Amino acid sequence: MSVDTYLKGKNTLGYTSFAQDDVKILVPPQLLRWVKRIQIDAKRFLMWRSFDIEAELKQPRSCRR
């Protein structure tokens, strides 16, 4: 996973955004095609923030029964 905190001048129109507290998370459409569920957990301790992102993948068509 990559994190980009500088979005000035970037085209983010195709992204889906999620907000939690004062944090905005942008998810690219390519990722949304492959996941069934995304869970985002943001925690703050003093001046540090930590993020946990868990994604449940969709089962590929070739593996379905």
PDB file of N, CA and C in Angstrom:
ATOM      1  N   MET A   1       0.838  -1.161   0.000  1.00  0.00           N
ATOM      2  CA  MET A   1       0.000   0.000   0.000  1.00  0.00           C
ATOM      3  C   MET A   1       0.884   1.225   0.000  1.00  0.00           C
ATOM      4  N   SER A   2       0.435   2.246  -0.647  1.00  0.00           N
ATOM      5  CA  SER A   2       1.172   3.506  -0.636  1.00  0.00           C
ATOM      6  C   SER A   2       0.296   4.611  -0.062  1.00  0.00           C
ATOM      7  N   VAL A   3       0.946   5.596   0.483  1.00  0.00           N
ATOM      8  CA  VAL A   3       0.247   6.723   1.077  1.00  0.00           C
ATOM      9  C   VAL A   3       0.792   7.987   0.439  1.00  0.00           C
ATOM     10  N   ASP A   4      -0.098   8.836  -0.010  1.00  0.00           N
ATOM     11  CA  ASP A   4       0.297  10.112  -0.593  1.00  0.00           C
ATOM     12  C   ASP A   4      -0.432  11.197   0.178  1.00  0.00           C
ATOM     13  N   THR A   5       0.315  12.008   0.875  1.00  0.00           N
ATOM     14  CA  THR A   5      -0.309  13.055   1.685  1.00  0.00           C
ATOM     15  C   THR A   5      -0.344  14.394   0.979  1.00  0.00           C
ATOM     16  N   TYR A   6       0.250  14.484  -0.201  1.00  0.00           N
ATOM     17  CA  TYR A   6       0.272  15.728  -0.952  1.00  0.00           C
ATOM     18  C   TYR A   6      -0.543  15.544  -2.217  1.00  0.00           C
ATOM     19  N   LEU A   7      -1.750  16.086  -2.254  1.00  0.00           N
ATOM     20  CA  LEU A   7      -2.656  15.873  -3.376  1.00  0.00           C
ATOM     21  C   LEU A   7      -2.842  17.110  -4.251  1.00  0.00           C
ATOM     22  N   LYS A   8      -2.107  18.172  -3.982  1.00  0.00           N
ATOM     23  CA  LYS A   8      -2.277  19.402  -4.744  1.00  0.00           C
ATOM     24  C   LYS A   8      -1.987  19.151  -6.229  1.00  0.00           C
ATOM     25  N   GLY A   9      -2.949  19.483  -7.077  1.00  0.00           N
ATOM     26  CA  GLY A   9      -2.786  19.334  -8.513  1.00  0.00           C
ATOM     27  C   GLY A   9      -3.047  17.931  -9.042  1.00  0.00           C
ATOM     28  N   LYS A  10      -3.435  17.000  -8.189  1.00  0.00           N
ATOM     29  CA  LYS A  10      -3.701  15.633  -8.639  1.00  0.00           C
ATOM     30  C   LYS A  10      -5.187  15.445  -8.923  1.00  0.00           C
ATOM     31  N   ASN A  11      -5.480  14.673  -9.940  1.00  0.00           N
ATOM     32  CA  ASN A  11      -6.866  14.395 -10.317  1.00  0.00           C
ATOM     33  C   ASN A  11      -7.389  13.248  -9.455  1.00  0.00           C
ATOM     34  N   THR A  12      -8.302  13.543  -8.561  1.00  0.00           N
ATOM     35  CA  THR A  12      -8.859  12.522  -7.671  1.00  0.00           C
ATOM     36  C   THR A  12     -10.352  12.297  -7.930  1.00  0.00           C
ATOM     37  N   LEU A  13     -10.834  12.695  -9.097  1.00  0.00           N
ATOM     38  CA  LEU A  13     -12.266  12.578  -9.402  1.00  0.00           C
ATOM     39  C   LEU A  13     -12.752  11.133  -9.419  1.00  0.00           C
ATOM     40  N   GLY A  14     -11.951  10.177  -9.859  1.00  0.00           N
ATOM     41  CA  GLY A  14     -12.384   8.791  -9.938  1.00  0.00           C
ATOM     42  C   GLY A  14     -12.284   8.032  -8.630  1.00  0.00           C
ATOM     43  N   TYR A  15     -11.731   8.667  -7.612  1.00  0.00           N
ATOM     44  CA  TYR A  15     -11.516   7.999  -6.335  1.00  0.00           C
ATOM     45  C   TYR A  15     -12.777   8.046  -5.479  1.00  0.00           C
ATOM     46  N   THR A  16     -12.953   7.040  -4.653  1.00  0.00           N
ATOM     47  CA  THR A  16     -14.025   7.024  -3.664  1.00  0.00           C
ATOM     48  C   THR A  16     -13.419   7.491  -2.354  1.00  0.00           C
ATOM     49  N   SER A  17     -14.092   8.388  -1.664  1.00  0.00           N
ATOM     50  CA  SER A  17     -13.518   8.909  -0.423  1.00  0.00           C
ATOM     51  C   SER A  17     -14.289   8.407   0.787  1.00  0.00           C
ATOM     52  N   PHE A  18     -13.542   8.154   1.833  1.00  0.00           N
ATOM     53  CA  PHE A  18     -14.077   7.767   3.121  1.00  0.00           C
ATOM     54  C   PHE A  18     -13.505   8.737   4.131  1.00  0.00           C
ATOM     55  N   ALA A  19     -14.303   9.142   5.094  1.00  0.00           N
ATOM     56  CA  ALA A  19     -13.820  10.067   6.118  1.00  0.00           C
ATOM     57  C   ALA A  19     -14.063   9.472   7.492  1.00  0.00           C
ATOM     58  N   GLN A  20     -13.056   9.637   8.337  1.00  0.00           N
ATOM     59  CA  GLN A  20     -13.189   9.215   9.728  1.00  0.00           C
ATOM     60  C   GLN A  20     -12.486  10.260  10.570  1.00  0.00           C
ATOM     61  N   ASP A  21     -13.193  10.820  11.523  1.00  0.00           N
ATOM     62  CA  ASP A  21     -12.693  11.942  12.316  1.00  0.00           C
ATOM     63  C   ASP A  21     -12.291  13.056  11.356  1.00  0.00           C
ATOM     64  N   ASP A  22     -11.051  13.482  11.385  1.00  0.00           N
ATOM     65  CA  ASP A  22     -10.616  14.539  10.470  1.00  0.00           C
ATOM     66  C   ASP A  22      -9.686  13.991   9.385  1.00  0.00           C
ATOM     67  N   VAL A  23      -9.772  12.682   9.115  1.00  0.00           N
ATOM     68  CA  VAL A  23      -8.927  12.043   8.115  1.00  0.00           C
ATOM     69  C   VAL A  23      -9.786  11.644   6.918  1.00  0.00           C
ATOM     70  N   LYS A  24      -9.340  12.023   5.726  1.00  0.00           N
ATOM     71  CA  LYS A  24     -10.034  11.658   4.494  1.00  0.00           C
ATOM     72  C   LYS A  24      -9.166  10.646   3.751  1.00  0.00           C
ATOM     73  N   ILE A  25      -9.742   9.506   3.400  1.00  0.00           N
ATOM     74  CA  ILE A  25      -9.021   8.435   2.725  1.00  0.00           C
ATOM     75  C   ILE A  25      -9.615   8.258   1.339  1.00  0.00           C
ATOM     76  N   LEU A  26      -8.770   8.309   0.324  1.00  0.00           N
ATOM     77  CA  LEU A  26      -9.195   8.144  -1.060  1.00  0.00           C
ATOM     78  C   LEU A  26      -8.790   6.749  -1.540  1.00  0.00           C
ATOM     79  N   VAL A  27      -9.752   6.038  -2.104  1.00  0.00           N
ATOM     80  CA  VAL A  27      -9.514   4.675  -2.583  1.00  0.00           C
ATOM     81  C   VAL A  27      -9.666   4.662  -4.096  1.00  0.00           C
ATOM     82  N   PRO A  28      -8.643   4.163  -4.807  1.00  0.00           N
ATOM     83  CA  PRO A  28      -8.714   4.152  -6.269  1.00  0.00           C
ATOM     84  C   PRO A  28      -9.724   3.134  -6.779  1.00  0.00           C
ATOM     85  N   PRO A  29     -10.313   3.388  -7.945  1.00  0.00           N
ATOM     86  CA  PRO A  29     -11.326   2.472  -8.489  1.00  0.00           C
ATOM     87  C   PRO A  29     -10.764   1.077  -8.776  1.00  0.00           C
ATOM     88  N   GLN A  30      -9.478   0.953  -9.076  1.00  0.00           N
ATOM     89  CA  GLN A  30      -8.880  -0.359  -9.329  1.00  0.00           C
ATOM     90  C   GLN A  30      -8.963  -1.243  -8.089  1.00  0.00           C
ATOM     91  N   LEU A  31      -8.769  -0.652  -6.914  1.00  0.00           N
ATOM     92  CA  LEU A  31      -8.842  -1.423  -5.680  1.00  0.00           C
ATOM     93  C   LEU A  31     -10.274  -1.853  -5.388  1.00  0.00           C
ATOM     94  N   LEU A  32     -11.236  -0.982  -5.651  1.00  0.00           N
ATOM     95  CA  LEU A  32     -12.630  -1.311  -5.361  1.00  0.00           C
ATOM     96  C   LEU A  32     -13.148  -2.463  -6.221  1.00  0.00           C
ATOM     97  N   ARG A  33     -12.545  -2.689  -7.383  1.00  0.00           N
ATOM     98  CA  ARG A  33     -12.961  -3.828  -8.219  1.00  0.00           C
ATOM     99  C   ARG A  33     -12.571  -5.160  -7.598  1.00  0.00           C
ATOM    100  N   TRP A  34     -11.536  -5.175  -6.757  1.00  0.00           N
ATOM    101  CA  TRP A  34     -11.007  -6.420  -6.211  1.00  0.00           C
ATOM    102  C   TRP A  34     -11.424  -6.712  -4.780  1.00  0.00           C
ATOM    103  N   VAL A  35     -12.028  -5.756  -4.090  1.00  0.00           N
ATOM    104  CA  VAL A  35     -12.366  -5.980  -2.686  1.00  0.00           C
ATOM    105  C   VAL A  35     -13.878  -5.994  -2.462  1.00  0.00           C
ATOM    106  N   LYS A  36     -14.269  -6.806  -1.517  1.00  0.00           N
ATOM    107  CA  LYS A  36     -15.674  -6.893  -1.123  1.00  0.00           C
ATOM    108  C   LYS A  36     -15.961  -5.912   0.021  1.00  0.00           C
ATOM    109  N   ARG A  37     -14.974  -5.747   0.905  1.00  0.00           N
ATOM    110  CA  ARG A  37     -15.166  -4.918   2.099  1.00  0.00           C
ATOM    111  C   ARG A  37     -13.835  -4.277   2.485  1.00  0.00           C
ATOM    112  N   ILE A  38     -13.894  -3.024   2.895  1.00  0.00           N
ATOM    113  CA  ILE A  38     -12.722  -2.316   3.404  1.00  0.00           C
ATOM    114  C   ILE A  38     -13.075  -1.780   4.783  1.00  0.00           C
ATOM    115  N   GLN A  39     -12.217  -2.072   5.752  1.00  0.00           N
ATOM    116  CA  GLN A  39     -12.417  -1.561   7.107  1.00  0.00           C
ATOM    117  C   GLN A  39     -11.219  -0.682   7.452  1.00  0.00           C
ATOM    118  N   ILE A  40     -11.486   0.534   7.894  1.00  0.00           N
ATOM    119  CA  ILE A  40     -10.442   1.490   8.207  1.00  0.00           C
ATOM    120  C   ILE A  40     -10.554   1.862   9.682  1.00  0.00           C
ATOM    121  N   ASP A  41      -9.428   1.775  10.384  1.00  0.00           N
ATOM    122  CA  ASP A  41      -9.398   2.125  11.794  1.00  0.00           C
ATOM    123  C   ASP A  41      -8.284   3.143  12.005  1.00  0.00           C
ATOM    124  N   ALA A  42      -8.625   4.314  12.473  1.00  0.00           N
ATOM    125  CA  ALA A  42      -7.643   5.362  12.742  1.00  0.00           C
ATOM    126  C   ALA A  42      -7.574   5.595  14.245  1.00  0.00           C
ATOM    127  N   LYS A  43      -6.351   5.571  14.769  1.00  0.00           N
ATOM    128  CA  LYS A  43      -6.157   5.776  16.199  1.00  0.00           C
ATOM    129  C   LYS A  43      -5.188   6.924  16.413  1.00  0.00           C
ATOM    130  N   ARG A  44      -5.369   7.616  17.511  1.00  0.00           N
ATOM    131  CA  ARG A  44      -4.485   8.731  17.843  1.00  0.00           C
ATOM    132  C   ARG A  44      -3.927   8.510  19.252  1.00  0.00           C
ATOM    133  N   PHE A  45      -2.620   8.674  19.365  1.00  0.00           N
ATOM    134  CA  PHE A  45      -1.953   8.618  20.663  1.00  0.00           C
ATOM    135  C   PHE A  45      -1.033   9.828  20.741  1.00  0.00           C
ATOM    136  N   LEU A  46      -1.356  10.743  21.632  1.00  0.00           N
ATOM    137  CA  LEU A  46      -0.647  12.013  21.746  1.00  0.00           C
ATOM    138  C   LEU A  46      -0.606  12.700  20.385  1.00  0.00           C
ATOM    139  N   MET A  47       0.559  12.851  19.768  1.00  0.00           N
ATOM    140  CA  MET A  47       0.629  13.524  18.477  1.00  0.00           C
ATOM    141  C   MET A  47       0.783  12.558  17.307  1.00  0.00           C
ATOM    142  N   TRP A  48       0.786  11.257  17.561  1.00  0.00           N
ATOM    143  CA  TRP A  48       0.949  10.264  16.500  1.00  0.00           C
ATOM    144  C   TRP A  48      -0.395   9.670  16.103  1.00  0.00           C
ATOM    145  N   ARG A  49      -0.493   9.321  14.854  1.00  0.00           N
ATOM    146  CA  ARG A  49      -1.689   8.635  14.345  1.00  0.00           C
ATOM    147  C   ARG A  49      -1.260   7.319  13.730  1.00  0.00           C
ATOM    148  N   SER A  50      -2.099   6.338  13.902  1.00  0.00           N
ATOM    149  CA  SER A  50      -1.852   5.062  13.233  1.00  0.00           C
ATOM    150  C   SER A  50      -3.122   4.654  12.508  1.00  0.00           C
ATOM    151  N   PHE A  51      -2.932   3.964  11.396  1.00  0.00           N
ATOM    152  CA  PHE A  51      -4.055   3.533  10.578  1.00  0.00           C
ATOM    153  C   PHE A  51      -3.953   2.038  10.344  1.00  0.00           C
ATOM    154  N   ASP A  52      -5.054   1.369  10.511  1.00  0.00           N
ATOM    155  CA  ASP A  52      -5.159  -0.039  10.152  1.00  0.00           C
ATOM    156  C   ASP A  52      -6.205  -0.134   9.061  1.00  0.00           C
ATOM    157  N   ILE A  53      -5.824  -0.730   7.952  1.00  0.00           N
ATOM    158  CA  ILE A  53      -6.757  -0.911   6.850  1.00  0.00           C
ATOM    159  C   ILE A  53      -6.811  -2.388   6.518  1.00  0.00           C
ATOM    160  N   GLU A  54      -8.005  -2.939   6.575  1.00  0.00           N
ATOM    161  CA  GLU A  54      -8.203  -4.353   6.299  1.00  0.00           C
ATOM    162  C   GLU A  54      -9.144  -4.476   5.106  1.00  0.00           C
ATOM    163  N   ALA A  55      -8.737  -5.271   4.133  1.00  0.00           N
ATOM    164  CA  ALA A  55      -9.558  -5.442   2.934  1.00  0.00           C
ATOM    165  C   ALA A  55      -9.871  -6.916   2.745  1.00  0.00           C
ATOM    166  N   GLU A  56     -11.141  -7.213   2.541  1.00  0.00           N
ATOM    167  CA  GLU A  56     -11.565  -8.577   2.232  1.00  0.00           C
ATOM    168  C   GLU A  56     -11.711  -8.669   0.720  1.00  0.00           C
ATOM    169  N   LEU A  57     -10.903  -9.530   0.107  1.00  0.00           N
ATOM    170  CA  LEU A  57     -10.893  -9.648  -1.343  1.00  0.00           C
ATOM    171  C   LEU A  57     -12.100 -10.415  -1.855  1.00  0.00           C
ATOM    172  N   LYS A  58     -12.542 -10.032  -3.042  1.00  0.00           N
ATOM    173  CA  LYS A  58     -13.580 -10.804  -3.717  1.00  0.00           C
ATOM    174  C   LYS A  58     -12.947 -12.077  -4.244  1.00  0.00           C
ATOM    175  N   GLN A  59     -13.725 -13.116  -4.311  1.00  0.00           N
ATOM    176  CA  GLN A  59     -13.216 -14.369  -4.852  1.00  0.00           C
ATOM    177  C   GLN A  59     -13.195 -14.283  -6.369  1.00  0.00           C
ATOM    178  N   PRO A  60     -12.053 -14.582  -6.998  1.00  0.00           N
ATOM    179  CA  PRO A  60     -12.004 -14.523  -8.460  1.00  0.00           C
ATOM    180  C   PRO A  60     -13.000 -15.491  -9.098  1.00  0.00           C
ATOM    181  N   ARG A  61     -13.467 -15.149 -10.287  1.00  0.00           N
ATOM    182  CA  ARG A  61     -14.449 -15.984 -10.979  1.00  0.00           C
ATOM    183  C   ARG A  61     -13.936 -17.400 -11.192  1.00  0.00           C
ATOM    184  N   SER A  62     -12.653 -17.566 -11.460  1.00  0.00           N
ATOM    185  CA  SER A  62     -12.118 -18.902 -11.729  1.00  0.00           C
ATOM    186  C   SER A  62     -12.132 -19.794 -10.506  1.00  0.00           C
ATOM    187  N   CYS A  63     -12.241 -19.217  -9.300  1.00  0.00           N
ATOM    188  CA  CYS A  63     -12.246 -20.004  -8.073  1.00  0.00           C
ATOM    189  C   CYS A  63     -13.645 -20.266  -7.534  1.00  0.00           C
ATOM    190  N   ARG A  64     -14.653 -19.645  -8.120  1.00  0.00           N
ATOM    191  CA  ARG A  64     -16.025 -19.847  -7.640  1.00  0.00           C
ATOM    192  C   ARG A  64     -16.528 -21.212  -8.049  1.00  0.00           C
ATOM    193  N   ARG A  65     -17.393 -21.736  -7.223  1.00  0.00           N
ATOM    194  CA  ARG A  65     -17.969 -23.056  -7.531  1.00  0.00           C
ATOM    195  C   ARG A  65     -19.390 -22.915  -7.974  1.00  0.00           C
TER     196      ARG A  65
END
